[in-house]
Amino acid sequence: MTTRIARLFTDHPQTVGETYFGHMAFAAWFSSRLLMAAGAALVHAFLPFMFETTASRIVRELYERTSKRAAH
C-alpha cells in the first residue's frame, strides 16, 4: 500500500527524468513564469502600449523548455 501511494508522487516525475523534489521545483518555477505572463497580459489589456510581446515571449519560452523535457 505504501509503495502504491509513493508511486503516485514519483511515477510522473520519472517520465521526465526528475525526482519528486526536482519536479516540484520545476513546476513551481513554471507556475511563477505563467503568473508573470498573466500579469503582463492583464496590464497589456488595459494599457496596450505596455508589455506588447512579454506574455507571448514567456509562453514561447515555456513551450520550448517543456518540449525538450518530454524527450527524456
N, C-alpha and C. Protein backbone atom coordinates (compact mmCIF):
# COMPACT_ATOMS: atom_id res chain seq x y z
N MET A 1 0.82 -1.20 0.00
CA MET A 1 0.00 0.00 0.00
C MET A 1 0.86 1.26 0.00
N THR A 2 1.87 1.30 0.86
CA THR A 2 2.76 2.47 0.92
C THR A 2 3.48 2.68 -0.40
N THR A 3 3.92 1.60 -1.01
CA THR A 3 4.62 1.70 -2.29
C THR A 3 3.70 2.26 -3.36
N ARG A 4 2.45 1.83 -3.36
CA ARG A 4 1.48 2.32 -4.33
C ARG A 4 1.26 3.82 -4.17
N ILE A 5 1.17 4.27 -2.95
CA ILE A 5 1.00 5.70 -2.68
C ILE A 5 2.25 6.47 -3.08
N ALA A 6 3.42 5.93 -2.78
CA ALA A 6 4.67 6.59 -3.15
C ALA A 6 4.77 6.76 -4.67
N ARG A 7 4.29 5.75 -5.40
CA ARG A 7 4.34 5.84 -6.86
C ARG A 7 3.47 6.95 -7.42
N LEU A 8 2.41 7.30 -6.70
CA LEU A 8 1.57 8.43 -7.14
C LEU A 8 2.40 9.72 -7.24
N PHE A 9 3.40 9.83 -6.37
CA PHE A 9 4.22 11.03 -6.33
C PHE A 9 5.49 10.93 -7.19
N THR A 10 5.86 9.74 -7.59
CA THR A 10 7.14 9.58 -8.31
C THR A 10 7.02 9.13 -9.76
N ASP A 11 5.92 8.49 -10.13
CA ASP A 11 5.81 7.96 -11.49
C ASP A 11 5.92 9.06 -12.55
N HIS A 12 5.13 10.10 -12.44
CA HIS A 12 5.18 11.16 -13.45
C HIS A 12 6.52 11.88 -13.48
N PRO A 13 7.08 12.31 -12.34
CA PRO A 13 8.40 12.95 -12.42
C PRO A 13 9.46 12.08 -13.10
N GLN A 14 9.38 10.78 -12.90
CA GLN A 14 10.35 9.88 -13.55
C GLN A 14 10.21 9.89 -15.06
N THR A 15 9.00 10.12 -15.57
CA THR A 15 8.82 10.13 -17.03
C THR A 15 9.54 11.29 -17.69
N VAL A 16 9.86 12.33 -16.93
CA VAL A 16 10.60 13.47 -17.49
C VAL A 16 12.01 13.52 -16.90
N GLY A 17 12.44 12.42 -16.29
CA GLY A 17 13.81 12.31 -15.80
C GLY A 17 14.10 13.13 -14.57
N GLU A 18 13.12 13.27 -13.68
CA GLU A 18 13.31 14.09 -12.48
C GLU A 18 12.91 13.31 -11.23
N THR A 19 13.41 13.80 -10.10
CA THR A 19 12.96 13.30 -8.82
C THR A 19 11.69 14.06 -8.44
N TYR A 20 11.05 13.62 -7.38
CA TYR A 20 9.85 14.31 -6.90
C TYR A 20 10.15 15.78 -6.59
N PHE A 21 11.23 16.02 -5.84
CA PHE A 21 11.55 17.39 -5.46
C PHE A 21 12.06 18.22 -6.64
N GLY A 22 12.77 17.60 -7.56
CA GLY A 22 13.19 18.31 -8.77
C GLY A 22 11.99 18.72 -9.60
N HIS A 23 11.03 17.83 -9.70
CA HIS A 23 9.81 18.13 -10.44
C HIS A 23 9.01 19.22 -9.73
N MET A 24 8.98 19.17 -8.42
CA MET A 24 8.28 20.19 -7.64
C MET A 24 8.90 21.57 -7.90
N ALA A 25 10.22 21.64 -7.90
CA ALA A 25 10.91 22.91 -8.13
C ALA A 25 10.62 23.43 -9.54
N PHE A 26 10.67 22.53 -10.53
CA PHE A 26 10.39 22.96 -11.90
C PHE A 26 8.95 23.45 -12.04
N ALA A 27 8.01 22.72 -11.46
CA ALA A 27 6.60 23.11 -11.56
C ALA A 27 6.34 24.44 -10.86
N ALA A 28 7.00 24.69 -9.74
CA ALA A 28 6.85 25.97 -9.04
C ALA A 28 7.44 27.10 -9.87
N TRP A 29 8.60 26.88 -10.48
CA TRP A 29 9.21 27.89 -11.35
C TRP A 29 8.29 28.17 -12.54
N PHE A 30 7.79 27.09 -13.15
CA PHE A 30 6.90 27.20 -14.31
C PHE A 30 5.67 28.02 -13.94
N SER A 31 5.10 27.74 -12.79
CA SER A 31 3.93 28.47 -12.31
C SER A 31 4.23 29.95 -12.14
N SER A 32 5.40 30.27 -11.59
CA SER A 32 5.76 31.68 -11.41
C SER A 32 5.88 32.40 -12.74
N ARG A 33 6.40 31.72 -13.74
CA ARG A 33 6.51 32.32 -15.08
C ARG A 33 5.13 32.53 -15.70
N LEU A 34 4.23 31.58 -15.50
CA LEU A 34 2.86 31.74 -16.00
C LEU A 34 2.17 32.93 -15.33
N LEU A 35 2.40 33.08 -14.03
CA LEU A 35 1.81 34.23 -13.32
C LEU A 35 2.35 35.55 -13.87
N MET A 36 3.65 35.59 -14.18
CA MET A 36 4.21 36.80 -14.77
C MET A 36 3.59 37.08 -16.14
N ALA A 37 3.43 36.03 -16.94
CA ALA A 37 2.83 36.20 -18.26
C ALA A 37 1.39 36.69 -18.13
N ALA A 38 0.65 36.13 -17.19
CA ALA A 38 -0.73 36.54 -16.98
C ALA A 38 -0.80 38.00 -16.52
N GLY A 39 0.09 38.39 -15.64
CA GLY A 39 0.12 39.78 -15.18
C GLY A 39 0.43 40.74 -16.32
N ALA A 40 1.41 40.38 -17.13
CA ALA A 40 1.77 41.22 -18.27
C ALA A 40 0.61 41.33 -19.25
N ALA A 41 -0.08 40.21 -19.49
CA ALA A 41 -1.22 40.23 -20.41
C ALA A 41 -2.36 41.08 -19.85
N LEU A 42 -2.58 41.03 -18.56
CA LEU A 42 -3.63 41.83 -17.95
C LEU A 42 -3.33 43.32 -18.05
N VAL A 43 -2.10 43.70 -17.76
CA VAL A 43 -1.71 45.10 -17.90
C VAL A 43 -1.85 45.53 -19.36
N HIS A 44 -1.40 44.67 -20.27
CA HIS A 44 -1.46 44.97 -21.70
C HIS A 44 -2.91 45.15 -22.17
N ALA A 45 -3.84 44.42 -21.56
CA ALA A 45 -5.25 44.55 -21.95
C ALA A 45 -5.76 45.97 -21.75
N PHE A 46 -5.30 46.62 -20.68
CA PHE A 46 -5.76 47.97 -20.38
C PHE A 46 -4.84 49.05 -20.91
N LEU A 47 -3.57 48.72 -21.01
CA LEU A 47 -2.56 49.67 -21.50
C LEU A 47 -1.79 49.00 -22.64
N PRO A 48 -2.36 48.99 -23.84
CA PRO A 48 -1.81 48.20 -24.94
C PRO A 48 -0.40 48.58 -25.38
N PHE A 49 0.07 49.71 -24.95
CA PHE A 49 1.44 50.13 -25.29
C PHE A 49 2.47 49.50 -24.35
N MET A 50 2.02 48.82 -23.31
CA MET A 50 2.93 48.18 -22.36
C MET A 50 2.94 46.67 -22.58
N PHE A 51 4.08 46.06 -22.37
CA PHE A 51 4.23 44.60 -22.43
C PHE A 51 3.66 44.01 -23.72
N GLU A 52 4.00 44.61 -24.84
CA GLU A 52 3.43 44.21 -26.12
C GLU A 52 3.74 42.76 -26.51
N THR A 53 4.90 42.28 -26.14
CA THR A 53 5.26 40.91 -26.52
C THR A 53 5.65 40.03 -25.33
N THR A 54 5.54 40.56 -24.13
CA THR A 54 6.02 39.85 -22.94
C THR A 54 5.32 38.52 -22.72
N ALA A 55 3.99 38.51 -22.69
CA ALA A 55 3.25 37.27 -22.41
C ALA A 55 3.53 36.21 -23.47
N SER A 56 3.49 36.58 -24.73
CA SER A 56 3.73 35.59 -25.79
C SER A 56 5.17 35.08 -25.75
N ARG A 57 6.11 35.94 -25.41
CA ARG A 57 7.51 35.50 -25.31
C ARG A 57 7.69 34.50 -24.17
N ILE A 58 7.08 34.76 -23.03
CA ILE A 58 7.18 33.85 -21.90
C ILE A 58 6.54 32.50 -22.24
N VAL A 59 5.37 32.53 -22.86
CA VAL A 59 4.69 31.29 -23.23
C VAL A 59 5.54 30.50 -24.23
N ARG A 60 6.14 31.18 -25.19
CA ARG A 60 7.01 30.52 -26.17
C ARG A 60 8.21 29.87 -25.47
N GLU A 61 8.83 30.60 -24.54
CA GLU A 61 9.97 30.06 -23.80
C GLU A 61 9.57 28.84 -22.98
N LEU A 62 8.40 28.90 -22.36
CA LEU A 62 7.93 27.76 -21.57
C LEU A 62 7.67 26.55 -22.46
N TYR A 63 7.08 26.78 -23.61
CA TYR A 63 6.83 25.68 -24.54
C TYR A 63 8.15 25.03 -24.97
N GLU A 64 9.13 25.84 -25.33
CA GLU A 64 10.42 25.31 -25.76
C GLU A 64 11.07 24.50 -24.64
N ARG A 65 10.99 25.02 -23.43
CA ARG A 65 11.60 24.35 -22.29
C ARG A 65 10.91 23.02 -21.98
N THR A 66 9.57 22.99 -22.02
CA THR A 66 8.87 21.76 -21.69
C THR A 66 8.94 20.73 -22.82
N SER A 67 8.97 21.18 -24.06
CA SER A 67 9.04 20.22 -25.16
C SER A 67 10.40 19.50 -25.15
N LYS A 68 11.44 20.15 -24.69
CA LYS A 68 12.75 19.50 -24.58
C LYS A 68 12.77 18.49 -23.45
N ARG A 69 12.03 18.75 -22.38
CA ARG A 69 11.98 17.84 -21.24
C ARG A 69 11.25 16.56 -21.61
N ALA A 70 10.28 16.63 -22.47
CA ALA A 70 9.48 15.46 -22.83
C ALA A 70 10.31 14.40 -23.55
N ALA A 71 11.46 14.78 -24.06
CA ALA A 71 12.31 13.85 -24.81
C ALA A 71 12.96 12.80 -23.91
N HIS A 72 12.96 13.03 -22.58
CA HIS A 72 13.58 12.06 -21.67
C HIS A 72 12.89 10.77 -21.78
